[in-house]
Amino acid sequence: MVKSVSEKNMKEWPGAQWWKFDFHTHTPASHDFSEKDVTPKEWLLAFMREKMDCVAVTDHDSVDWFIYTY
């Protein structure tokens, strides 16, 4: 009997999993971000140290940091 993909995945994921997200973050491009000298790497590593799985950047009136880092 051929097992379905969902049956295979159930063995790989034995139960529910919690994810750690921050849906409201800012970068130095936002006027109210206090540490203007932080680098993109330092900014991201701070979230990684907190074991964040996902961050959403919600800068004020700017996408400058995305252009800079991309």
N, C-alpha and C. Protein backbone atom coordinates (compact mmCIF):
# COMPACT_ATOMS: atom_id res chain seq x y z
N MET A 1 0.84 -1.19 0.00
CA MET A 1 0.00 0.00 0.00
C MET A 1 0.88 1.24 0.00
N VAL A 2 0.56 2.18 -0.86
CA VAL A 2 1.31 3.43 -0.96
C VAL A 2 0.79 4.41 0.09
N LYS A 3 1.72 4.98 0.87
CA LYS A 3 1.32 5.96 1.89
C LYS A 3 1.18 7.33 1.25
N SER A 4 0.24 8.09 1.73
CA SER A 4 0.04 9.44 1.21
C SER A 4 1.14 10.36 1.75
N VAL A 5 1.30 11.48 1.10
CA VAL A 5 2.28 12.48 1.54
C VAL A 5 1.95 12.94 2.95
N SER A 6 0.67 13.10 3.26
CA SER A 6 0.30 13.58 4.60
C SER A 6 0.67 12.57 5.68
N GLU A 7 0.55 11.27 5.39
CA GLU A 7 0.95 10.25 6.37
C GLU A 7 2.45 10.30 6.59
N LYS A 8 3.21 10.50 5.53
CA LYS A 8 4.66 10.60 5.65
C LYS A 8 5.04 11.83 6.49
N ASN A 9 4.39 12.96 6.21
CA ASN A 9 4.69 14.18 6.95
C ASN A 9 4.31 14.07 8.42
N MET A 10 3.28 13.31 8.75
CA MET A 10 2.88 13.15 10.14
C MET A 10 4.00 12.50 10.96
N LYS A 11 4.77 11.63 10.35
CA LYS A 11 5.87 11.00 11.07
C LYS A 11 7.04 11.97 11.23
N GLU A 12 7.24 12.84 10.25
CA GLU A 12 8.31 13.83 10.33
C GLU A 12 7.97 14.95 11.32
N TRP A 13 6.67 15.26 11.46
CA TRP A 13 6.20 16.29 12.37
C TRP A 13 5.26 15.62 13.37
N PRO A 14 5.80 15.11 14.46
CA PRO A 14 5.00 14.32 15.39
C PRO A 14 3.93 15.09 16.16
N GLY A 15 3.93 16.37 16.11
CA GLY A 15 2.92 17.15 16.83
C GLY A 15 2.98 18.60 16.44
N ALA A 16 2.20 19.39 17.11
CA ALA A 16 2.18 20.82 16.83
C ALA A 16 3.52 21.44 17.21
N GLN A 17 3.85 22.52 16.55
CA GLN A 17 5.11 23.20 16.84
C GLN A 17 4.83 24.68 17.04
N TRP A 18 5.48 25.28 18.01
CA TRP A 18 5.35 26.71 18.25
C TRP A 18 6.44 27.43 17.48
N TRP A 19 6.10 28.55 16.90
CA TRP A 19 7.04 29.40 16.17
C TRP A 19 7.10 30.74 16.89
N LYS A 20 8.26 31.34 16.88
CA LYS A 20 8.44 32.63 17.55
C LYS A 20 8.58 33.72 16.49
N PHE A 21 7.55 34.59 16.40
CA PHE A 21 7.51 35.67 15.42
C PHE A 21 7.48 37.01 16.12
N ASP A 22 8.04 38.03 15.47
CA ASP A 22 7.86 39.42 15.91
C ASP A 22 7.33 40.17 14.69
N PHE A 23 6.07 40.53 14.74
CA PHE A 23 5.42 41.17 13.60
C PHE A 23 5.49 42.69 13.61
N HIS A 24 6.29 43.27 14.50
CA HIS A 24 6.42 44.73 14.53
C HIS A 24 7.83 45.10 14.96
N THR A 25 8.71 45.22 13.98
CA THR A 25 10.09 45.60 14.27
C THR A 25 10.49 46.80 13.40
N HIS A 26 11.52 47.48 13.84
CA HIS A 26 12.04 48.63 13.09
C HIS A 26 13.53 48.47 12.87
N THR A 27 14.04 49.17 11.87
CA THR A 27 15.47 49.20 11.57
C THR A 27 15.95 50.63 11.77
N PRO A 28 17.25 50.89 11.64
CA PRO A 28 17.73 52.27 11.75
C PRO A 28 17.14 53.23 10.71
N ALA A 29 16.46 52.72 9.70
CA ALA A 29 15.82 53.61 8.73
C ALA A 29 14.61 54.33 9.32
N SER A 30 14.05 53.81 10.40
CA SER A 30 12.92 54.47 11.06
C SER A 30 13.43 55.61 11.94
N HIS A 31 12.72 56.71 11.92
CA HIS A 31 13.14 57.89 12.69
C HIS A 31 13.19 57.64 14.19
N ASP A 32 12.44 56.66 14.69
CA ASP A 32 12.39 56.42 16.14
C ASP A 32 13.26 55.25 16.60
N PHE A 33 14.08 54.72 15.72
CA PHE A 33 14.99 53.63 16.11
C PHE A 33 16.19 54.25 16.80
N SER A 34 16.50 53.80 18.01
CA SER A 34 17.51 54.49 18.83
C SER A 34 18.96 54.19 18.45
N GLU A 35 19.26 53.02 17.95
CA GLU A 35 20.65 52.65 17.66
C GLU A 35 20.95 52.82 16.17
N LYS A 36 21.24 54.03 15.76
CA LYS A 36 21.42 54.33 14.34
C LYS A 36 22.68 53.70 13.74
N ASP A 37 23.65 53.30 14.57
CA ASP A 37 24.90 52.77 14.04
C ASP A 37 24.93 51.24 13.94
N VAL A 38 23.82 50.56 14.21
CA VAL A 38 23.78 49.11 14.13
C VAL A 38 23.85 48.68 12.66
N THR A 39 24.61 47.63 12.39
CA THR A 39 24.72 47.13 11.02
C THR A 39 23.58 46.15 10.74
N PRO A 40 23.30 45.88 9.47
CA PRO A 40 22.28 44.89 9.16
C PRO A 40 22.56 43.53 9.81
N LYS A 41 23.81 43.12 9.80
CA LYS A 41 24.17 41.84 10.41
C LYS A 41 23.90 41.84 11.91
N GLU A 42 24.29 42.92 12.60
CA GLU A 42 24.04 43.02 14.04
C GLU A 42 22.55 43.02 14.35
N TRP A 43 21.78 43.72 13.52
CA TRP A 43 20.34 43.81 13.71
C TRP A 43 19.71 42.42 13.62
N LEU A 44 20.07 41.68 12.59
CA LEU A 44 19.51 40.35 12.41
C LEU A 44 20.00 39.37 13.47
N LEU A 45 21.28 39.44 13.83
CA LEU A 45 21.82 38.54 14.85
C LEU A 45 21.12 38.73 16.21
N ALA A 46 20.69 39.94 16.50
CA ALA A 46 19.96 40.17 17.76
C ALA A 46 18.68 39.35 17.80
N PHE A 47 17.97 39.26 16.68
CA PHE A 47 16.76 38.44 16.62
C PHE A 47 17.10 36.95 16.64
N MET A 48 18.17 36.59 15.99
CA MET A 48 18.58 35.18 15.97
C MET A 48 18.98 34.71 17.37
N ARG A 49 19.63 35.59 18.15
CA ARG A 49 19.99 35.23 19.53
C ARG A 49 18.75 34.97 20.37
N GLU A 50 17.65 35.66 20.04
CA GLU A 50 16.38 35.47 20.75
C GLU A 50 15.59 34.30 20.16
N LYS A 51 16.21 33.59 19.21
CA LYS A 51 15.61 32.42 18.56
C LYS A 51 14.30 32.74 17.84
N MET A 52 14.27 33.91 17.18
CA MET A 52 13.12 34.30 16.38
C MET A 52 13.11 33.48 15.09
N ASP A 53 11.94 32.99 14.72
CA ASP A 53 11.78 32.27 13.46
C ASP A 53 11.42 33.21 12.32
N CYS A 54 10.84 34.36 12.64
CA CYS A 54 10.40 35.29 11.61
C CYS A 54 10.30 36.69 12.20
N VAL A 55 10.71 37.69 11.44
CA VAL A 55 10.50 39.08 11.84
C VAL A 55 9.87 39.84 10.68
N ALA A 56 8.99 40.75 11.00
CA ALA A 56 8.38 41.62 10.00
C ALA A 56 8.87 43.04 10.26
N VAL A 57 9.45 43.64 9.26
CA VAL A 57 9.95 45.01 9.39
C VAL A 57 8.82 45.98 9.10
N THR A 58 8.60 46.90 10.03
CA THR A 58 7.51 47.86 9.90
C THR A 58 8.06 49.28 10.05
N ASP A 59 9.07 49.60 9.25
CA ASP A 59 9.68 50.92 9.32
C ASP A 59 8.69 52.02 8.95
N HIS A 60 8.94 53.21 9.48
CA HIS A 60 8.09 54.36 9.22
C HIS A 60 8.53 55.08 7.95
N ASP A 61 7.69 55.11 6.96
CA ASP A 61 7.87 55.91 5.75
C ASP A 61 9.21 55.66 5.04
N SER A 62 9.71 54.44 5.07
CA SER A 62 11.01 54.20 4.45
C SER A 62 11.19 52.72 4.11
N VAL A 63 11.87 52.49 3.00
CA VAL A 63 12.34 51.14 2.66
C VAL A 63 13.85 51.18 2.45
N ASP A 64 14.48 52.25 2.92
CA ASP A 64 15.91 52.46 2.69
C ASP A 64 16.77 51.30 3.17
N TRP A 65 16.43 50.74 4.29
CA TRP A 65 17.28 49.67 4.81
C TRP A 65 17.19 48.42 3.95
N PHE A 66 16.06 48.18 3.34
CA PHE A 66 15.94 47.02 2.46
C PHE A 66 16.77 47.21 1.21
N ILE A 67 16.76 48.39 0.69
CA ILE A 67 17.56 48.67 -0.51
C ILE A 67 19.04 48.55 -0.15
N TYR A 68 19.41 49.05 1.02
CA TYR A 68 20.80 49.00 1.47
C TYR A 68 21.27 47.56 1.68
N THR A 69 20.45 46.75 2.29
CA THR A 69 20.88 45.41 2.65
C THR A 69 20.70 44.40 1.53
N TYR A 70 19.81 44.66 0.58
CA TYR A 70 19.56 43.71 -0.48
C TYR A 70 20.63 43.82 -1.51
